[in-house]
């Protein structure tokens, strides 16, 4: 099985496939110039790709939700739905 990255969202840990974390990080980085939260999310997820886990603060969680909503609904697959449920 593909390696998963553990993302801690306010105490709820969601295992997300590495390729999805990478895609979310890239989408956040694309908006880093206009949003400090998106930049921070991109940096946190970049470190998560190296360490295998990350804990996101409220600002990064809001940016994560924004990225999930801004992209095509199917882009991140089932992991996106799981992340949305975790922060709901």
C-alpha atoms as a PDB file:
ATOM      1  CA  UNK A   1       0.000   0.000   0.000  1.00  0.00           C
ATOM      2  CA  UNK A   2       1.057   3.545  -0.702  1.00  0.00           C
ATOM      3  CA  UNK A   3       2.546   5.396   2.225  1.00  0.00           C
ATOM      4  CA  UNK A   4       0.060   7.624   4.015  1.00  0.00           C
ATOM      5  CA  UNK A   5       0.719  10.921   5.775  1.00  0.00           C
ATOM      6  CA  UNK A   6      -0.997  11.406   9.141  1.00  0.00           C
ATOM      7  CA  UNK A   7      -2.684  14.792   9.340  1.00  0.00           C
ATOM      8  CA  UNK A   8      -3.846  15.844  12.806  1.00  0.00           C
ATOM      9  CA  UNK A   9      -6.839  18.166  12.498  1.00  0.00           C
ATOM     10  CA  UNK A  10      -7.673  19.498  15.936  1.00  0.00           C
ATOM     11  CA  UNK A  11      -7.233  16.100  17.569  1.00  0.00           C
ATOM     12  CA  UNK A  12      -8.658  13.987  14.732  1.00  0.00           C
ATOM     13  CA  UNK A  13      -5.948  12.137  12.816  1.00  0.00           C
ATOM     14  CA  UNK A  14      -6.639  11.368   9.168  1.00  0.00           C
ATOM     15  CA  UNK A  15      -4.310   9.180   7.110  1.00  0.00           C
ATOM     16  CA  UNK A  16      -4.020  10.708   3.643  1.00  0.00           C
ATOM     17  CA  UNK A  17      -2.183   9.159   0.684  1.00  0.00           C
ATOM     18  CA  UNK A  18       1.185  10.842   0.025  1.00  0.00           C
ATOM     19  CA  UNK A  19       0.192  11.811  -3.541  1.00  0.00           C
ATOM     20  CA  UNK A  20      -2.951  13.574  -2.261  1.00  0.00           C
ATOM     21  CA  UNK A  21      -0.976  15.492   0.384  1.00  0.00           C
ATOM     22  CA  UNK A  22       1.471  16.506  -2.342  1.00  0.00           C
ATOM     23  CA  UNK A  23      -1.371  17.682  -4.606  1.00  0.00           C
ATOM     24  CA  UNK A  24      -3.011  19.677  -1.793  1.00  0.00           C
ATOM     25  CA  UNK A  25       0.365  21.239  -0.919  1.00  0.00           C
ATOM     26  CA  UNK A  26       0.835  22.248  -4.565  1.00  0.00           C
ATOM     27  CA  UNK A  27      -2.671  23.723  -4.749  1.00  0.00           C
ATOM     28  CA  UNK A  28      -2.020  25.690  -1.543  1.00  0.00           C
ATOM     29  CA  UNK A  29       1.367  26.863  -2.830  1.00  0.00           C
ATOM     30  CA  UNK A  30      -0.313  28.175  -5.984  1.00  0.00           C
ATOM     31  CA  UNK A  31      -2.299  30.553  -3.754  1.00  0.00           C
ATOM     32  CA  UNK A  32       0.545  31.374  -1.356  1.00  0.00           C
ATOM     33  CA  UNK A  33       1.079  34.785  -2.927  1.00  0.00           C
ATOM     34  CA  UNK A  34      -2.385  35.986  -1.960  1.00  0.00           C
ATOM     35  CA  UNK A  35      -2.921  34.107   1.308  1.00  0.00           C
ATOM     36  CA  UNK A  36      -0.541  33.685   4.219  1.00  0.00           C
ATOM     37  CA  UNK A  37      -2.665  30.771   5.478  1.00  0.00           C
ATOM     38  CA  UNK A  38      -2.286  28.985   2.156  1.00  0.00           C
ATOM     39  CA  UNK A  39       1.472  29.583   2.284  1.00  0.00           C
ATOM     40  CA  UNK A  40       1.649  28.181   5.817  1.00  0.00           C
ATOM     41  CA  UNK A  41      -0.451  25.159   4.805  1.00  0.00           C
ATOM     42  CA  UNK A  42       1.845  24.512   1.853  1.00  0.00           C
ATOM     43  CA  UNK A  43       4.932  24.679   4.099  1.00  0.00           C
ATOM     44  CA  UNK A  44       3.382  22.418   6.761  1.00  0.00           C
ATOM     45  CA  UNK A  45       2.329  19.824   4.190  1.00  0.00           C
ATOM     46  CA  UNK A  46       5.758  19.988   2.564  1.00  0.00           C
ATOM     47  CA  UNK A  47       7.344  19.114   5.911  1.00  0.00           C
ATOM     48  CA  UNK A  48       4.725  16.397   6.417  1.00  0.00           C
ATOM     49  CA  UNK A  49       5.861  14.748   3.192  1.00  0.00           C
ATOM     50  CA  UNK A  50       9.321  14.441   4.770  1.00  0.00           C
ATOM     51  CA  UNK A  51       8.281  13.434   8.301  1.00  0.00           C
ATOM     52  CA  UNK A  52       5.105  11.437   7.589  1.00  0.00           C
ATOM     53  CA  UNK A  53       2.890  13.464   9.909  1.00  0.00           C
ATOM     54  CA  UNK A  54       1.713  16.983  10.633  1.00  0.00           C
ATOM     55  CA  UNK A  55      -0.515  18.817  13.085  1.00  0.00           C
ATOM     56  CA  UNK A  56      -2.405  21.710  11.530  1.00  0.00           C
ATOM     57  CA  UNK A  57      -3.456  24.815  13.439  1.00  0.00           C
ATOM     58  CA  UNK A  58      -6.785  26.562  12.942  1.00  0.00           C
ATOM     59  CA  UNK A  59      -5.436  28.833  10.203  1.00  0.00           C
ATOM     60  CA  UNK A  60      -3.999  25.937   8.233  1.00  0.00           C
ATOM     61  CA  UNK A  61      -7.211  23.931   8.680  1.00  0.00           C
ATOM     62  CA  UNK A  62      -9.201  26.858   7.242  1.00  0.00           C
ATOM     63  CA  UNK A  63      -6.791  27.047   4.298  1.00  0.00           C
ATOM     64  CA  UNK A  64      -7.102  23.270   3.820  1.00  0.00           C
ATOM     65  CA  UNK A  65     -10.890  23.535   3.680  1.00  0.00           C
ATOM     66  CA  UNK A  66     -10.575  26.427   1.212  1.00  0.00           C
ATOM     67  CA  UNK A  67      -8.252  24.409  -1.039  1.00  0.00           C
ATOM     68  CA  UNK A  68     -10.608  21.422  -0.945  1.00  0.00           C
ATOM     69  CA  UNK A  69     -13.530  23.700  -1.883  1.00  0.00           C
ATOM     70  CA  UNK A  70     -11.622  25.618  -4.577  1.00  0.00           C
ATOM     71  CA  UNK A  71     -10.470  22.557  -6.505  1.00  0.00           C
ATOM     72  CA  UNK A  72     -12.577  20.187  -8.601  1.00  0.00           C
ATOM     73  CA  UNK A  73     -14.562  17.949  -6.198  1.00  0.00           C
ATOM     74  CA  UNK A  74     -12.985  14.758  -7.562  1.00  0.00           C
ATOM     75  CA  UNK A  75      -9.395  16.031  -7.660  1.00  0.00           C
ATOM     76  CA  UNK A  76      -8.354  14.658  -4.270  1.00  0.00           C
ATOM     77  CA  UNK A  77     -10.683  11.659  -4.239  1.00  0.00           C
ATOM     78  CA  UNK A  78     -11.959   9.935  -1.124  1.00  0.00           C
ATOM     79  CA  UNK A  79      -9.260  11.532   1.034  1.00  0.00           C
ATOM     80  CA  UNK A  80     -10.837  14.962   0.502  1.00  0.00           C
ATOM     81  CA  UNK A  81     -14.199  13.729   1.750  1.00  0.00           C
ATOM     82  CA  UNK A  82     -12.526  12.195   4.786  1.00  0.00           C
ATOM     83  CA  UNK A  83     -10.674  15.436   5.546  1.00  0.00           C
ATOM     84  CA  UNK A  84     -13.892  17.450   5.186  1.00  0.00           C
ATOM     85  CA  UNK A  85     -15.668  15.112   7.623  1.00  0.00           C
ATOM     86  CA  UNK A  86     -12.812  15.437  10.112  1.00  0.00           C
ATOM     87  CA  UNK A  87     -13.054  19.233  10.203  1.00  0.00           C
ATOM     88  CA  UNK A  88     -16.852  19.457  10.051  1.00  0.00           C
END
